[in-house]
C-alpha cells in the first residue's frame, strides 16, 4: 500500500494537473520513502525527511538527500506522504507550513487506511486555494501556503503528551499516550539485583530502560537502540528526567540490518510486530536473533509479546535455554539464555 501512496502523491504531476518544480527550486519531502519515480519535468531538488532508520537507509541506498528531521526554511514546495498516525500526519502538514515560503505548493497524499479523507476535509476548512484527486486507492490533495500560517500550524501541531506523570512522547511513537500494557507486564518482572551491562532493543521513548534502572539501580549502564529517531530523542529526555544517575547511551539503529558494537549481560525488549499497517511477526523474530548475537555467553534475554505470536520456536532454535516467565489474558513474558 505504501508504494501505491507514493504513486498517488506524484500522480498530479504525472497527469499535468499541477506543474512540477523547476530547476533551482527546493522541495521538502516529509515522510519520504524510497521507490518513487520523479515525473517528467520534475527538476526541483528534493530534501527527504525520514526518521525511521530502515526507511532512511533505503532512501540513502537510492542516493536520496535525506535527513532524520526537517531543517531549513523557505522551501518552494512540500510533499507530505501520510502514514497511519493521525497526529503525525497533522504534524507533518504543520511542519510543511512552517518551512515553506508564501504561495508554496503543498501536496499531501495517503490511502484510506491513513485517514486521508478526514485529513483532507480538515485542511479544506482552512479555506486555502487547492484541489484533490483520487488515484491508486488513495487521494492526493494540494493547496497554496498562505502568508500567515501561525494559527493553522498551532491547530495542526501535536506536541508531546505526558504519560504516567513521568514520561513525554509524541504522536507517531509506539503507545505515545499511555504505558503499553505489555511493557508494563515485562517491567513487573525485571530483575531487582542486576549489576551488569544491559541493552533495550526497540527502546521506544524509554519506558523499559527507566524501569530497569529503577528496579536495579546497581546496573553498570544501559544502551538504548531504537529505529525511530524522534522516539530515541524522547527516550534520551525521559532517561535524563527519570534515571539521571544511570549511564546510558543512545543508538539510532536498525536492529534487523545493523549489528551492535558491544555485548551485553541482559537485553530487554518489547519487539514490534507491525510493519506499516500489516502484522509482520518476522520483525520480532529478527530482533530475537539480533539479541542472541549481541548477548555475552550466559547473557539473558527478557521479552514480552502478544500471546498469539510464535516466538518460542525461534528462541529454542537460537538460544541454549528458553522458557516462559508469566502470561496474562493478552501477553506473555519470555526469557532465553545464551
Protein backbone atom coordinates (compact mmCIF):
# COMPACT_ATOMS: atom_id res chain seq x y z
CA UNK A 1 0.00 0.00 0.00
CA UNK A 2 2.86 2.38 0.66
CA UNK A 3 4.07 2.10 -2.94
CA UNK A 4 0.52 2.97 -4.03
CA UNK A 5 0.55 6.05 -1.79
CA UNK A 6 3.83 7.15 -3.36
CA UNK A 7 2.28 6.86 -6.81
CA UNK A 8 -0.76 8.77 -5.58
CA UNK A 9 1.49 11.57 -4.32
CA UNK A 10 3.19 12.09 -7.68
CA UNK A 11 0.09 11.48 -9.83
CA UNK A 12 -0.96 15.17 -10.01
CA UNK A 13 2.42 15.95 -11.57
CA UNK A 14 2.30 12.92 -13.87
CA UNK A 15 -1.16 13.86 -15.14
CA UNK A 16 -0.29 17.52 -15.68
CA UNK A 17 -2.87 18.76 -13.17
CA UNK A 18 -0.18 20.70 -11.32
CA UNK A 19 3.19 21.89 -12.60
CA UNK A 20 6.33 20.17 -11.34
CA UNK A 21 9.02 22.25 -9.62
CA UNK A 22 11.62 23.70 -11.93
CA UNK A 23 15.39 23.68 -11.77
CA UNK A 24 16.69 25.57 -8.77
CA UNK A 25 13.51 25.09 -6.73
CA UNK A 26 13.79 23.32 -3.38
CA UNK A 27 11.29 20.63 -2.36
CA UNK A 28 10.81 19.34 1.21
CA UNK A 29 9.55 15.72 1.27
CA UNK A 30 8.15 14.80 4.69
CA UNK A 31 7.59 11.12 5.46
CA UNK A 32 9.62 10.25 2.39
CA UNK A 33 10.07 6.65 1.33
CA UNK A 34 12.15 5.07 -1.37
CA UNK A 35 10.59 3.70 -4.55
CA UNK A 36 9.17 6.83 -6.12
CA UNK A 37 9.73 7.83 -9.73
CA UNK A 38 10.05 11.52 -10.50
CA UNK A 39 7.56 12.67 -13.18
CA UNK A 40 8.78 14.17 -16.41
CA UNK A 41 9.87 17.77 -15.92
CA UNK A 42 10.29 17.41 -12.14
CA UNK A 43 13.59 19.29 -11.92
CA UNK A 44 13.44 20.59 -8.33
CA UNK A 45 15.90 19.26 -5.76
CA UNK A 46 14.31 17.11 -3.05
CA UNK A 47 15.34 17.13 0.59
CA UNK A 48 13.78 13.99 2.05
CA UNK A 49 12.90 13.61 5.74
CA UNK A 50 12.50 10.16 7.28
CA UNK A 51 13.02 9.40 11.00
CA UNK A 52 12.65 5.60 10.70
CA UNK A 53 16.08 4.07 10.21
CA UNK A 54 15.11 1.21 7.83
CA UNK A 55 13.29 3.64 5.52
CA UNK A 56 16.11 6.18 5.92
CA UNK A 57 18.64 3.54 4.86
CA UNK A 58 16.54 2.63 1.82
CA UNK A 59 16.46 6.29 0.76
CA UNK A 60 20.23 6.53 1.27
CA UNK A 61 20.70 3.43 -0.88
CA UNK A 62 18.63 5.16 -3.58
CA UNK A 63 21.06 8.12 -3.32
CA UNK A 64 18.43 10.49 -1.95
CA UNK A 65 19.35 13.61 0.01
CA UNK A 66 17.76 12.52 3.30
CA UNK A 67 17.77 13.64 6.94
CA UNK A 68 16.02 12.22 10.03
CA UNK A 69 14.37 15.55 10.93
CA UNK A 70 13.35 18.61 8.92
CA UNK A 71 15.65 21.62 8.79
CA UNK A 72 15.79 24.79 6.72
CA UNK A 73 13.07 27.16 5.60
CA UNK A 74 11.60 28.96 2.57
CA UNK A 75 11.20 25.76 0.55
CA UNK A 76 9.43 26.30 -2.77
CA UNK A 77 7.28 23.18 -2.38
CA UNK A 78 6.49 20.48 0.17
CA UNK A 79 5.39 16.89 -0.35
CA UNK A 80 3.74 15.05 2.55
CA UNK A 81 3.36 11.27 2.49
CA UNK A 82 0.87 10.21 5.15
CA UNK A 83 1.18 7.26 7.49
CA UNK A 84 -1.18 5.50 9.88
CA UNK A 85 -0.92 8.02 12.76
CA UNK A 86 -3.38 10.92 12.57
CA UNK A 87 -1.36 13.17 14.86
CA UNK A 88 1.86 12.51 12.96
CA UNK A 89 0.17 13.38 9.65
CA UNK A 90 -1.10 16.66 11.05
CA UNK A 91 2.34 17.39 12.50
CA UNK A 92 3.87 16.89 9.05
CA UNK A 93 1.48 19.38 7.47
CA UNK A 94 2.23 21.86 10.26
CA UNK A 95 5.95 21.33 9.56
CA UNK A 96 5.39 21.91 5.84
CA UNK A 97 3.56 25.17 6.59
CA UNK A 98 6.40 26.41 8.80
CA UNK A 99 9.21 25.54 6.40
CA UNK A 100 7.81 26.71 3.05
CA UNK A 101 7.59 30.21 1.60
CA UNK A 102 4.34 32.07 1.00
CA UNK A 103 2.43 30.64 -2.02
CA UNK A 104 4.48 27.44 -1.99
CA UNK A 105 2.53 24.41 -3.17
CA UNK A 106 1.97 21.74 -0.51
CA UNK A 107 0.92 18.31 -1.81
CA UNK A 108 -0.39 15.64 0.60
CA UNK A 109 -1.23 12.02 -0.21
CA UNK A 110 -2.20 8.82 1.51
CA UNK A 111 -4.51 5.83 1.40
CA UNK A 112 -7.85 5.20 3.04
CA UNK A 113 -6.07 3.36 5.85
CA UNK A 114 -4.06 6.52 6.51
CA UNK A 115 -7.21 8.55 7.19
CA UNK A 116 -6.60 10.68 4.12
CA UNK A 117 -10.24 11.70 3.58
CA UNK A 118 -10.82 13.08 7.11
CA UNK A 119 -7.46 14.83 6.85
CA UNK A 120 -8.39 16.38 3.50
CA UNK A 121 -11.69 17.63 4.92
CA UNK A 122 -9.95 19.11 7.96
CA UNK A 123 -7.46 21.01 5.82
CA UNK A 124 -10.24 22.18 3.49
CA UNK A 125 -11.85 24.03 6.42
CA UNK A 126 -8.97 26.49 6.41
CA UNK A 127 -10.25 27.73 3.04
CA UNK A 128 -6.92 27.63 1.23
CA UNK A 129 -6.83 27.57 -2.56
CA UNK A 130 -6.37 23.98 -3.74
CA UNK A 131 -7.89 20.78 -5.10
CA UNK A 132 -7.70 16.99 -4.84
CA UNK A 133 -7.72 13.87 -6.98
CA UNK A 134 -8.19 10.16 -6.21
CA UNK A 135 -5.78 7.64 -7.68
CA UNK A 136 -4.22 4.25 -6.85
CA UNK A 137 -6.62 3.55 -3.96
CA UNK A 138 -5.72 6.84 -2.30
CA UNK A 139 -6.17 10.59 -2.53
CA UNK A 140 -3.78 13.43 -3.23
CA UNK A 141 -4.76 16.97 -2.26
CA UNK A 142 -2.87 20.22 -2.51
CA UNK A 143 -3.08 23.85 -1.52
CA UNK A 144 -1.04 27.06 -1.61
CA UNK A 145 0.68 28.05 1.59
CA UNK A 146 -0.88 31.32 2.86
CA UNK A 147 1.18 34.21 4.15
CA UNK A 148 0.14 33.82 7.80
CA UNK A 149 0.28 30.18 8.95
CA UNK A 150 0.75 30.69 12.69
CA UNK A 151 -2.85 29.90 13.68
CA UNK A 152 -3.19 26.92 11.34
CA UNK A 153 0.18 25.46 12.34
CA UNK A 154 -0.76 25.81 16.01
CA UNK A 155 -4.06 23.97 15.42
CA UNK A 156 -2.40 21.16 13.49
CA UNK A 157 0.78 20.66 15.51
CA UNK A 158 0.54 18.00 18.19
CA UNK A 159 3.04 18.48 20.99
CA UNK A 160 4.39 15.85 23.39
CA UNK A 161 1.97 14.01 25.68
CA UNK A 162 2.70 13.47 29.37
CA UNK A 163 2.50 9.75 30.11
CA UNK A 164 2.00 8.39 33.62
CA UNK A 165 3.15 11.72 35.00
CA UNK A 166 6.78 10.80 34.29
CA UNK A 167 7.40 10.49 30.56
CA UNK A 168 6.92 12.51 27.40
CA UNK A 169 6.08 11.04 24.00
CA UNK A 170 4.67 12.37 20.73
CA UNK A 171 2.15 11.17 18.12
CA UNK A 172 3.62 8.57 15.77
CA UNK A 173 5.63 6.88 18.51
CA UNK A 174 4.52 3.47 19.73
CA UNK A 175 1.97 3.85 22.56
CA UNK A 176 2.61 7.61 22.70
CA UNK A 177 -0.30 8.42 25.00
CA UNK A 178 -0.15 5.62 27.57
CA UNK A 179 2.13 2.96 29.00
CA UNK A 180 1.81 -0.14 26.82
CA UNK A 181 0.25 -2.98 28.82
CA UNK A 182 2.78 -5.48 27.50
CA UNK A 183 5.73 -3.32 28.51
CA UNK A 184 4.12 -2.83 31.92
CA UNK A 185 3.91 -6.60 32.41
CA UNK A 186 7.56 -7.04 31.46
CA UNK A 187 8.56 -4.18 33.77
CA UNK A 188 6.95 -6.00 36.69
CA UNK A 189 9.29 -8.97 36.09
CA UNK A 190 12.58 -7.12 35.61
CA UNK A 191 15.45 -8.22 37.88
CA UNK A 192 15.91 -6.34 41.16
CA UNK A 193 19.60 -7.05 41.65
CA UNK A 194 21.11 -6.80 38.17
CA UNK A 195 24.59 -5.23 38.12
CA UNK A 196 25.86 -5.85 34.58
CA UNK A 197 25.56 -4.09 31.22
CA UNK A 198 22.10 -4.02 29.66
CA UNK A 199 20.50 -3.05 26.38
CA UNK A 200 16.95 -2.12 25.48
CA UNK A 201 16.16 -3.29 21.93
CA UNK A 202 13.43 -1.21 20.32
CA UNK A 203 13.54 1.18 23.28
CA UNK A 204 10.78 3.50 22.04
CA UNK A 205 10.51 6.52 24.30
CA UNK A 206 12.43 4.77 27.06
CA UNK A 207 9.88 3.22 29.41
CA UNK A 208 11.59 -0.15 29.93
CA UNK A 209 15.02 1.43 30.32
CA UNK A 210 13.75 3.74 33.05
CA UNK A 211 12.02 0.83 34.78
CA UNK A 212 15.15 -1.34 34.65
CA UNK A 213 17.22 1.50 36.10
CA UNK A 214 14.63 1.87 38.86
CA UNK A 215 14.47 -1.88 39.58
CA UNK A 216 18.25 -2.43 39.52
CA UNK A 217 19.98 0.81 40.48
CA UNK A 218 23.32 -1.00 40.56
CA UNK A 219 23.42 -1.76 36.83
CA UNK A 220 26.62 -0.59 35.16
CA UNK A 221 24.84 1.02 32.21
CA UNK A 222 22.21 0.62 29.55
CA UNK A 223 22.30 1.11 25.78
CA UNK A 224 19.04 2.11 24.10
CA UNK A 225 18.55 1.00 20.47
CA UNK A 226 15.64 2.49 18.56
CA UNK A 227 14.82 2.81 14.85
CA UNK A 228 12.63 5.91 15.27
CA UNK A 229 14.88 8.96 15.58
CA UNK A 230 12.21 11.06 17.29
CA UNK A 231 11.35 8.32 19.80
CA UNK A 232 15.05 7.94 20.61
CA UNK A 233 15.30 11.65 21.36
CA UNK A 234 12.29 11.31 23.64
CA UNK A 235 13.99 8.36 25.35
CA UNK A 236 17.08 10.49 25.89
CA UNK A 237 14.98 13.15 27.63
CA UNK A 238 13.00 10.59 29.65
CA UNK A 239 16.14 8.88 30.89
CA UNK A 240 17.66 12.22 31.87
CA UNK A 241 14.49 13.13 33.77
CA UNK A 242 13.82 9.79 35.47
CA UNK A 243 17.16 7.95 35.72
CA UNK A 244 19.80 10.68 35.66
CA UNK A 245 22.42 8.67 37.56
CA UNK A 246 22.26 5.65 35.22
CA UNK A 247 24.94 5.62 32.49
CA UNK A 248 23.07 5.44 29.19
CA UNK A 249 23.98 5.52 25.52
CA UNK A 250 21.57 6.02 22.65
CA UNK A 251 21.73 4.43 19.19
CA UNK A 252 19.55 5.26 16.19
CA UNK A 253 19.69 1.75 14.82
CA UNK A 254 18.00 -0.76 12.53
CA UNK A 255 18.39 -3.94 14.57
CA UNK A 256 17.21 -6.12 11.69
CA UNK A 257 20.08 -4.99 9.45
CA UNK A 258 22.80 -3.35 11.56
CA UNK A 259 25.00 -5.17 14.05
CA UNK A 260 25.54 -3.84 17.56
CA UNK A 261 29.05 -2.92 18.60
CA UNK A 262 29.08 -4.28 22.16
CA UNK A 263 28.00 -7.41 24.01
CA UNK A 264 25.53 -7.40 26.91
CA UNK A 265 24.66 -9.34 30.05
CA UNK A 266 20.95 -8.60 29.67
CA UNK A 267 18.70 -7.46 26.84
CA UNK A 268 15.10 -6.42 27.40
CA UNK A 269 12.61 -5.76 24.63
CA UNK A 270 9.03 -5.42 23.52
CA UNK A 271 9.63 -6.18 19.84
CA UNK A 272 7.42 -4.55 17.20
CA UNK A 273 5.32 -6.86 15.11
CA UNK A 274 3.78 -4.42 12.64
CA UNK A 275 5.31 -3.00 9.50
CA UNK A 276 3.07 -0.23 8.25
CA UNK A 277 -0.49 -1.48 8.67
CA UNK A 278 0.20 -5.20 8.37
CA UNK A 279 1.17 -7.64 11.12
CA UNK A 280 4.69 -8.91 10.46
CA UNK A 281 5.93 -11.17 13.28
CA UNK A 282 9.16 -11.83 11.38
CA UNK A 283 10.30 -8.41 12.64
CA UNK A 284 10.21 -9.71 16.20
CA UNK A 285 11.96 -12.90 15.15
CA UNK A 286 14.74 -10.86 13.51
CA UNK A 287 15.17 -8.85 16.70
CA UNK A 288 15.37 -12.02 18.78
CA UNK A 289 18.18 -13.26 16.54
CA UNK A 290 19.90 -9.88 16.82
CA UNK A 291 19.66 -10.14 20.60
CA UNK A 292 21.29 -13.58 20.51
CA UNK A 293 24.23 -12.14 18.58
CA UNK A 294 24.53 -9.20 20.97
CA UNK A 295 24.49 -11.16 24.23
CA UNK A 296 27.55 -12.44 26.04
CA UNK A 297 27.74 -16.18 26.67
CA UNK A 298 25.46 -16.75 29.62
CA UNK A 299 23.63 -13.49 28.96
CA UNK A 300 19.85 -13.34 29.21
CA UNK A 301 17.05 -12.01 27.05
CA UNK A 302 13.71 -10.92 28.51
CA UNK A 303 10.90 -10.03 26.16
CA UNK A 304 7.16 -9.50 26.12
CA UNK A 305 4.87 -10.44 23.25
CA UNK A 306 1.22 -10.90 22.37
CA UNK A 307 0.19 -14.39 23.42
CA UNK A 308 -0.50 -15.49 19.86
CA UNK A 309 2.92 -14.64 18.44
CA UNK A 310 5.03 -17.78 17.80
CA UNK A 311 8.36 -16.67 19.26
CA UNK A 312 9.02 -19.81 21.31
CA UNK A 313 10.36 -21.72 18.30
CA UNK A 314 12.89 -19.06 17.30
CA UNK A 315 14.00 -18.78 20.94
CA UNK A 316 14.52 -22.54 21.15
CA UNK A 317 16.44 -22.57 17.89
CA UNK A 318 18.63 -19.57 18.74
CA UNK A 319 19.37 -19.90 22.47
CA UNK A 320 20.79 -22.59 24.72
CA UNK A 321 17.82 -22.32 27.10
CA UNK A 322 14.46 -20.57 26.96
CA UNK A 323 11.08 -20.51 28.64
CA UNK A 324 8.12 -18.50 29.82
CA UNK A 325 8.09 -16.33 32.93
CA UNK A 326 4.39 -15.45 33.06
CA UNK A 327 1.35 -14.57 30.98
CA UNK A 328 -1.98 -12.83 31.31
CA UNK A 329 -5.03 -12.62 29.05
CA UNK A 330 -3.13 -10.70 26.34
CA UNK A 331 0.63 -11.01 26.80
CA UNK A 332 3.41 -13.39 27.75
CA UNK A 333 6.87 -12.69 29.16
CA UNK A 334 9.53 -14.99 27.71
CA UNK A 335 13.17 -15.49 28.63
CA UNK A 336 16.19 -17.04 26.98
CA UNK A 337 19.81 -17.69 27.94
CA UNK A 338 22.70 -17.51 25.50
